[in-house]
Amino acid sequence: MDESFAPPVAPQRNLGTRFLYMLLMVVACYVALWVLGFVAILQFALAAFADGPAPRVQAFGASLGRYFGQVTRFLAFDSEDLPFPFADWPQPAA
């Protein structure tokens, strides 16, 4: 049997280094959670007093949601890609 069909294994970081990155991502996620709360309150106020939510704040909220997804995938060992601030800020889905 030929073993050349095995999928390539992605190189892993040192577990200690990854742990430090994970701690940083937990702190970043905590800060982002507070930002999400502020965005939600801001959108609610804009919707109540300005006849609807602000599209730019909606776009930021969407990209913030994608950021949470990136952080979650990194923390759950589903991805080796480091999220923001080690990569570009995610763009909202089209």
N, C-alpha and C. Protein backbone atom coordinates (compact mmCIF):
# COMPACT_ATOMS: atom_id res chain seq x y z
N MET A 1 0.84 -1.17 0.00
CA MET A 1 0.00 0.00 0.00
C MET A 1 0.89 1.24 0.00
N ASP A 2 0.54 2.20 -0.83
CA ASP A 2 1.33 3.41 -0.97
C ASP A 2 0.89 4.45 0.06
N GLU A 3 1.83 4.95 0.84
CA GLU A 3 1.53 5.92 1.90
C GLU A 3 1.60 7.36 1.41
N SER A 4 1.84 7.58 0.13
CA SER A 4 2.00 8.94 -0.39
C SER A 4 0.68 9.69 -0.49
N PHE A 5 -0.43 9.02 -0.26
CA PHE A 5 -1.73 9.67 -0.35
C PHE A 5 -2.19 10.27 0.97
N ALA A 6 -1.38 10.18 2.00
CA ALA A 6 -1.74 10.75 3.30
C ALA A 6 -1.74 12.27 3.19
N PRO A 7 -2.73 12.94 3.80
CA PRO A 7 -2.77 14.41 3.73
C PRO A 7 -1.58 15.00 4.47
N PRO A 8 -1.05 16.11 3.95
CA PRO A 8 0.09 16.74 4.62
C PRO A 8 -0.34 17.30 5.98
N VAL A 9 0.54 17.20 6.93
CA VAL A 9 0.28 17.71 8.28
C VAL A 9 0.87 19.11 8.37
N ALA A 10 0.06 20.05 8.83
CA ALA A 10 0.52 21.43 8.99
C ALA A 10 1.53 21.50 10.13
N PRO A 11 2.59 22.27 9.95
CA PRO A 11 3.57 22.40 11.04
C PRO A 11 2.93 23.06 12.25
N GLN A 12 3.22 22.54 13.41
CA GLN A 12 2.64 23.07 14.64
C GLN A 12 3.67 23.93 15.36
N ARG A 13 3.18 24.94 16.07
CA ARG A 13 4.05 25.77 16.89
C ARG A 13 4.44 25.00 18.14
N ASN A 14 5.45 25.51 18.78
CA ASN A 14 5.79 25.02 20.09
C ASN A 14 4.56 25.21 20.99
N LEU A 15 4.22 24.23 21.77
CA LEU A 15 3.01 24.29 22.59
C LEU A 15 3.06 25.45 23.60
N GLY A 16 4.23 25.74 24.13
CA GLY A 16 4.37 26.86 25.06
C GLY A 16 4.11 28.20 24.38
N THR A 17 4.63 28.35 23.16
CA THR A 17 4.39 29.58 22.41
C THR A 17 2.92 29.71 22.07
N ARG A 18 2.31 28.61 21.65
CA ARG A 18 0.89 28.66 21.33
C ARG A 18 0.07 29.03 22.57
N PHE A 19 0.45 28.53 23.75
CA PHE A 19 -0.25 28.87 24.98
C PHE A 19 -0.22 30.37 25.23
N LEU A 20 0.94 30.99 25.02
CA LEU A 20 1.04 32.45 25.20
C LEU A 20 0.16 33.19 24.21
N TYR A 21 0.16 32.74 22.94
CA TYR A 21 -0.73 33.34 21.95
C TYR A 21 -2.20 33.14 22.34
N MET A 22 -2.51 31.99 22.88
CA MET A 22 -3.89 31.72 23.30
C MET A 22 -4.31 32.66 24.42
N LEU A 23 -3.42 32.90 25.37
CA LEU A 23 -3.73 33.84 26.45
C LEU A 23 -3.98 35.24 25.89
N LEU A 24 -3.15 35.66 24.94
CA LEU A 24 -3.35 36.97 24.31
C LEU A 24 -4.69 37.02 23.57
N MET A 25 -5.06 35.94 22.91
CA MET A 25 -6.33 35.91 22.18
C MET A 25 -7.53 35.91 23.12
N VAL A 26 -7.39 35.31 24.29
CA VAL A 26 -8.48 35.35 25.27
C VAL A 26 -8.68 36.79 25.75
N VAL A 27 -7.59 37.49 26.01
CA VAL A 27 -7.68 38.90 26.43
C VAL A 27 -8.29 39.74 25.30
N ALA A 28 -7.82 39.51 24.07
CA ALA A 28 -8.36 40.25 22.92
C ALA A 28 -9.85 39.97 22.75
N CYS A 29 -10.26 38.74 22.96
CA CYS A 29 -11.67 38.36 22.84
C CYS A 29 -12.50 39.05 23.92
N TYR A 30 -11.95 39.15 25.12
CA TYR A 30 -12.64 39.83 26.21
C TYR A 30 -12.85 41.31 25.88
N VAL A 31 -11.81 41.95 25.36
CA VAL A 31 -11.93 43.36 24.95
C VAL A 31 -12.94 43.50 23.83
N ALA A 32 -12.88 42.58 22.86
CA ALA A 32 -13.81 42.63 21.73
C ALA A 32 -15.26 42.42 22.19
N LEU A 33 -15.45 41.65 23.24
CA LEU A 33 -16.79 41.46 23.78
C LEU A 33 -17.36 42.77 24.32
N TRP A 34 -16.51 43.57 24.98
CA TRP A 34 -16.94 44.88 25.46
C TRP A 34 -17.23 45.81 24.28
N VAL A 35 -16.42 45.72 23.25
CA VAL A 35 -16.67 46.53 22.05
C VAL A 35 -18.00 46.13 21.43
N LEU A 36 -18.29 44.84 21.39
CA LEU A 36 -19.56 44.36 20.86
C LEU A 36 -20.73 44.92 21.66
N GLY A 37 -20.61 44.95 22.97
CA GLY A 37 -21.66 45.54 23.80
C GLY A 37 -21.88 47.01 23.48
N PHE A 38 -20.80 47.75 23.30
CA PHE A 38 -20.92 49.16 22.94
C PHE A 38 -21.57 49.32 21.57
N VAL A 39 -21.16 48.48 20.60
CA VAL A 39 -21.74 48.54 19.25
C VAL A 39 -23.23 48.23 19.30
N ALA A 40 -23.61 47.25 20.09
CA ALA A 40 -25.03 46.89 20.19
C ALA A 40 -25.85 48.04 20.77
N ILE A 41 -25.35 48.67 21.82
CA ILE A 41 -26.05 49.81 22.43
C ILE A 41 -26.11 50.98 21.46
N LEU A 42 -25.01 51.23 20.76
CA LEU A 42 -24.97 52.30 19.77
C LEU A 42 -25.98 52.05 18.65
N GLN A 43 -26.03 50.83 18.13
CA GLN A 43 -26.97 50.52 17.06
C GLN A 43 -28.41 50.64 17.54
N PHE A 44 -28.67 50.21 18.76
CA PHE A 44 -30.02 50.33 19.30
C PHE A 44 -30.43 51.80 19.38
N ALA A 45 -29.53 52.64 19.87
CA ALA A 45 -29.83 54.07 19.98
C ALA A 45 -30.03 54.68 18.60
N LEU A 46 -29.19 54.31 17.65
CA LEU A 46 -29.34 54.84 16.30
C LEU A 46 -30.64 54.37 15.65
N ALA A 47 -31.00 53.12 15.89
CA ALA A 47 -32.25 52.60 15.33
C ALA A 47 -33.45 53.30 15.96
N ALA A 48 -33.35 53.63 17.23
CA ALA A 48 -34.47 54.26 17.92
C ALA A 48 -34.62 55.74 17.55
N PHE A 49 -33.51 56.43 17.38
CA PHE A 49 -33.57 57.87 17.18
C PHE A 49 -33.24 58.35 15.77
N ALA A 50 -32.71 57.49 14.91
CA ALA A 50 -32.30 57.93 13.58
C ALA A 50 -32.95 57.10 12.48
N ASP A 51 -34.09 56.53 12.75
CA ASP A 51 -34.86 55.78 11.74
C ASP A 51 -34.11 54.61 11.14
N GLY A 52 -33.35 53.88 11.93
CA GLY A 52 -32.71 52.67 11.44
C GLY A 52 -31.24 52.59 11.82
N PRO A 53 -30.70 51.41 11.73
CA PRO A 53 -29.30 51.22 12.09
C PRO A 53 -28.36 51.86 11.06
N ALA A 54 -27.18 52.20 11.51
CA ALA A 54 -26.17 52.80 10.64
C ALA A 54 -25.44 51.71 9.85
N PRO A 55 -25.37 51.83 8.54
CA PRO A 55 -24.72 50.80 7.72
C PRO A 55 -23.24 50.59 8.06
N ARG A 56 -22.52 51.66 8.38
CA ARG A 56 -21.10 51.50 8.71
C ARG A 56 -20.92 50.75 10.03
N VAL A 57 -21.79 50.99 10.97
CA VAL A 57 -21.72 50.28 12.25
C VAL A 57 -22.14 48.82 12.03
N GLN A 58 -23.11 48.60 11.14
CA GLN A 58 -23.49 47.22 10.78
C GLN A 58 -22.31 46.47 10.19
N ALA A 59 -21.58 47.11 9.28
CA ALA A 59 -20.42 46.48 8.65
C ALA A 59 -19.35 46.16 9.70
N PHE A 60 -19.13 47.10 10.63
CA PHE A 60 -18.15 46.84 11.68
C PHE A 60 -18.62 45.67 12.56
N GLY A 61 -19.91 45.62 12.88
CA GLY A 61 -20.43 44.50 13.68
C GLY A 61 -20.26 43.17 12.97
N ALA A 62 -20.45 43.18 11.65
CA ALA A 62 -20.26 41.95 10.89
C ALA A 62 -18.80 41.51 10.90
N SER A 63 -17.88 42.46 10.74
CA SER A 63 -16.47 42.09 10.78
C SER A 63 -16.04 41.68 12.19
N LEU A 64 -16.66 42.26 13.20
CA LEU A 64 -16.40 41.85 14.58
C LEU A 64 -16.85 40.41 14.81
N GLY A 65 -17.99 40.04 14.22
CA GLY A 65 -18.45 38.66 14.30
C GLY A 65 -17.49 37.70 13.64
N ARG A 66 -16.93 38.09 12.49
CA ARG A 66 -15.93 37.25 11.82
C ARG A 66 -14.67 37.13 12.67
N TYR A 67 -14.32 38.21 13.37
CA TYR A 67 -13.16 38.18 14.26
C TYR A 67 -13.37 37.17 15.39
N PHE A 68 -14.56 37.18 15.98
CA PHE A 68 -14.86 36.20 17.02
C PHE A 68 -14.72 34.78 16.48
N GLY A 69 -15.15 34.57 15.25
CA GLY A 69 -15.00 33.25 14.63
C GLY A 69 -13.54 32.86 14.47
N GLN A 70 -12.70 33.81 14.04
CA GLN A 70 -11.28 33.52 13.88
C GLN A 70 -10.63 33.18 15.22
N VAL A 71 -10.97 33.96 16.24
CA VAL A 71 -10.40 33.71 17.57
C VAL A 71 -10.86 32.35 18.08
N THR A 72 -12.12 32.04 17.90
CA THR A 72 -12.65 30.75 18.36
C THR A 72 -11.96 29.59 17.67
N ARG A 73 -11.78 29.70 16.36
CA ARG A 73 -11.10 28.63 15.62
C ARG A 73 -9.66 28.46 16.10
N PHE A 74 -8.98 29.57 16.39
CA PHE A 74 -7.60 29.47 16.89
C PHE A 74 -7.57 28.84 18.27
N LEU A 75 -8.45 29.28 19.16
CA LEU A 75 -8.45 28.75 20.53
C LEU A 75 -8.85 27.27 20.58
N ALA A 76 -9.66 26.83 19.63
CA ALA A 76 -10.12 25.44 19.60
C ALA A 76 -9.18 24.54 18.79
N PHE A 77 -8.01 25.06 18.40
CA PHE A 77 -7.02 24.33 17.61
C PHE A 77 -7.55 23.92 16.24
N ASP A 78 -8.56 24.65 15.75
CA ASP A 78 -9.08 24.37 14.42
C ASP A 78 -8.27 25.10 13.36
N SER A 79 -7.48 26.10 13.77
CA SER A 79 -6.68 26.88 12.83
C SER A 79 -5.37 27.25 13.50
N GLU A 80 -4.32 27.32 12.69
CA GLU A 80 -3.02 27.79 13.18
C GLU A 80 -2.81 29.26 12.84
N ASP A 81 -3.77 29.86 12.12
CA ASP A 81 -3.65 31.26 11.72
C ASP A 81 -3.99 32.17 12.89
N LEU A 82 -3.08 33.06 13.22
CA LEU A 82 -3.33 34.01 14.31
C LEU A 82 -4.25 35.12 13.82
N PRO A 83 -5.29 35.44 14.59
CA PRO A 83 -6.18 36.53 14.23
C PRO A 83 -5.54 37.90 14.51
N PHE A 84 -6.30 38.97 14.24
CA PHE A 84 -5.89 40.33 14.54
C PHE A 84 -5.48 40.40 16.01
N PRO A 85 -4.41 41.01 16.39
CA PRO A 85 -3.57 42.00 15.73
C PRO A 85 -2.39 41.41 14.98
N PHE A 86 -2.32 40.08 14.85
CA PHE A 86 -1.22 39.44 14.13
C PHE A 86 -1.53 39.26 12.65
N ALA A 87 -2.75 39.56 12.25
CA ALA A 87 -3.19 39.48 10.86
C ALA A 87 -4.08 40.69 10.59
N ASP A 88 -4.51 40.84 9.36
CA ASP A 88 -5.40 41.94 9.02
C ASP A 88 -6.77 41.76 9.69
N TRP A 89 -7.44 42.89 9.94
CA TRP A 89 -8.79 42.85 10.49
C TRP A 89 -9.70 42.21 9.46
N PRO A 90 -10.59 41.30 9.87
CA PRO A 90 -11.46 40.63 8.89
C PRO A 90 -12.48 41.59 8.27
N GLN A 91 -12.73 41.38 7.02
CA GLN A 91 -13.73 42.18 6.29
C GLN A 91 -15.09 41.51 6.42
N PRO A 92 -16.16 42.29 6.45
CA PRO A 92 -17.50 41.67 6.51
C PRO A 92 -17.78 40.88 5.24
N ALA A 93 -18.60 39.86 5.36
CA ALA A 93 -18.96 39.05 4.20
C ALA A 93 -19.74 39.90 3.21
N ALA A 94 -19.58 39.60 1.96
CA ALA A 94 -20.27 40.38 0.90
C ALA A 94 -21.74 40.07 0.89
